[in-house]
Amino acid sequence: MAPSHPGEDNSLTEKEEICAYLGTIGITYEQWTPAHEIPKARRQQVLATMLWRKSDRLKSEGGYVAADVESCACDHAGLDAC
């Protein structure tokens, strides 16, 4: 299936579709999964550490000087409504 385009009334649900579409508009999508459960109180610290370790690679591959990161956990309030 071809990637959807902005303005169409549809949703992408499969990771491969999402990655393909975002790639067509110049956005790199990566999903980082920790090797074990992270206590909720430490998630921001762990995310910051992961980003710090991976940001140099991401910036050099894309020629970027900054990176935006979104974080989402299964217990995130309102996640089902998204």
Protein backbone atom coordinates (compact mmCIF):
# COMPACT_ATOMS: atom_id res chain seq x y z
CA MET A 1 0.00 0.00 0.00
CA ALA A 2 1.31 3.45 -0.92
CA PRO A 3 1.87 5.91 1.90
CA SER A 4 -1.01 8.26 2.68
CA HIS A 5 -0.74 11.98 2.03
CA PRO A 6 -1.63 14.98 4.20
CA GLY A 7 -5.21 16.11 3.78
CA GLU A 8 -6.58 12.62 3.26
CA ASP A 9 -9.03 11.41 5.88
CA ASN A 10 -7.21 8.29 7.05
CA SER A 11 -4.81 6.93 9.65
CA LEU A 12 -1.61 4.94 9.43
CA THR A 13 -1.35 2.15 11.98
CA GLU A 14 1.48 -0.11 10.81
CA LYS A 15 5.05 0.87 11.70
CA GLU A 16 6.25 0.24 8.14
CA GLU A 17 3.56 2.54 6.71
CA ILE A 18 4.34 5.24 9.25
CA CYS A 19 8.08 5.08 8.53
CA ALA A 20 7.52 5.12 4.77
CA TYR A 21 5.23 8.14 4.91
CA LEU A 22 7.41 10.13 7.30
CA GLY A 23 10.42 9.38 5.10
CA THR A 24 8.65 10.99 2.12
CA ILE A 25 8.43 14.27 4.04
CA GLY A 26 11.96 14.15 5.44
CA ILE A 27 11.24 12.85 8.95
CA THR A 28 13.26 10.03 10.50
CA TYR A 29 11.25 7.73 12.77
CA GLU A 30 12.95 5.45 15.26
CA GLN A 31 11.50 3.47 18.12
CA TRP A 32 13.80 2.82 21.04
CA THR A 33 12.80 0.04 23.41
CA PRO A 34 14.75 -0.55 26.63
CA ALA A 35 16.03 -4.04 27.39
CA HIS A 36 14.05 -4.12 30.66
CA GLU A 37 11.22 -2.28 32.42
CA ILE A 38 12.14 1.23 33.55
CA PRO A 39 10.55 2.56 36.76
CA LYS A 40 8.25 5.50 35.96
CA ALA A 41 10.26 7.81 38.20
CA ARG A 42 13.41 7.23 36.09
CA ARG A 43 11.93 7.36 32.55
CA GLN A 44 12.90 10.98 31.84
CA GLN A 45 16.47 10.34 33.00
CA VAL A 46 16.73 7.20 30.86
CA LEU A 47 15.25 8.98 27.82
CA ALA A 48 17.73 11.83 28.22
CA THR A 49 20.63 9.35 28.41
CA MET A 50 19.43 7.42 25.34
CA LEU A 51 18.98 10.64 23.37
CA TRP A 52 22.41 11.90 24.36
CA ARG A 53 24.02 8.64 23.21
CA LYS A 54 22.11 8.46 19.93
CA SER A 55 21.81 12.15 19.03
CA ASP A 56 25.30 12.48 17.56
CA ARG A 57 24.55 9.66 15.10
CA LEU A 58 21.14 11.08 14.23
CA LYS A 59 22.50 14.58 13.74
CA SER A 60 25.42 13.48 11.59
CA GLU A 61 23.26 11.21 9.41
CA GLY A 62 20.71 13.94 8.78
CA GLY A 63 22.95 16.98 8.91
CA TYR A 64 20.97 18.37 11.87
CA VAL A 65 22.07 20.59 14.72
CA ALA A 66 19.10 19.68 16.97
CA ALA A 67 16.61 16.83 17.44
CA ASP A 68 13.02 16.61 18.69
CA VAL A 69 12.01 13.56 20.69
CA GLU A 70 8.54 12.33 21.62
CA SER A 71 8.14 9.89 24.47
CA CYS A 72 5.15 7.66 25.00
CA ALA A 73 4.55 4.82 27.45
CA CYS A 74 1.71 2.31 27.57
CA ASP A 75 0.44 3.84 30.81
CA HIS A 76 0.43 7.40 29.40
CA ALA A 77 -2.80 9.19 30.32
CA GLY A 78 -5.09 9.60 27.32
CA LEU A 79 -3.06 7.28 25.07
CA ASP A 80 -6.19 5.36 24.04
CA ALA A 81 -7.81 8.58 22.86
CA CYS A 82 -5.02 9.32 20.37
